[in-house]
């Protein structure tokens, strides 16, 4: 049985969302995206 957190939740906590959004704005990573932004893309990978 699972004794702690799942690996996926540990990875999500390791990468802060505000920092990813800040980098996406800085490098214009979401300028062409309509539905799938950088954070959702990271979660799907």
Protein backbone atom coordinates (compact mmCIF):
# COMPACT_ATOMS: atom_id res chain seq x y z
CA UNK A 1 0.00 0.00 0.00
CA UNK A 2 0.93 3.60 -0.44
CA UNK A 3 2.59 4.99 2.65
CA UNK A 4 2.99 8.59 1.52
CA UNK A 5 2.40 10.84 -1.45
CA UNK A 6 2.37 9.65 -5.01
CA UNK A 7 5.36 10.45 -7.22
CA UNK A 8 3.25 12.69 -9.48
CA UNK A 9 2.16 14.90 -6.58
CA UNK A 10 5.75 15.16 -5.35
CA UNK A 11 6.90 16.38 -8.78
CA UNK A 12 4.08 18.94 -8.97
CA UNK A 13 5.03 20.32 -5.55
CA UNK A 14 8.70 20.50 -6.59
CA UNK A 15 7.98 22.82 -9.54
CA UNK A 16 6.13 25.94 -8.33
CA UNK A 17 3.40 27.07 -10.71
CA UNK A 18 4.12 30.78 -10.29
CA UNK A 19 7.71 30.25 -11.41
CA UNK A 20 6.63 28.29 -14.48
CA UNK A 21 4.06 30.98 -15.37
CA UNK A 22 6.72 33.67 -14.91
CA UNK A 23 9.07 31.90 -17.33
CA UNK A 24 6.27 31.34 -19.84
CA UNK A 25 5.49 35.08 -19.80
CA UNK A 26 9.17 36.03 -20.03
CA UNK A 27 9.86 33.81 -23.03
CA UNK A 28 6.34 34.12 -24.53
CA UNK A 29 5.81 30.38 -24.36
CA UNK A 30 2.01 30.57 -24.43
CA UNK A 31 1.50 33.15 -27.18
CA UNK A 32 0.27 30.60 -29.71
CA UNK A 33 -1.63 28.34 -27.30
CA UNK A 34 -5.40 28.52 -27.17
CA UNK A 35 -6.36 25.72 -24.79
CA UNK A 36 -3.16 24.07 -23.62
CA UNK A 37 -0.92 26.40 -21.64
CA UNK A 38 2.60 25.60 -20.42
CA UNK A 39 1.52 24.32 -17.02
CA UNK A 40 -1.07 21.93 -18.43
CA UNK A 41 1.45 20.76 -20.99
CA UNK A 42 3.91 19.98 -18.21
CA UNK A 43 1.23 18.02 -16.34
CA UNK A 44 0.40 15.99 -19.43
CA UNK A 45 4.03 15.12 -20.07
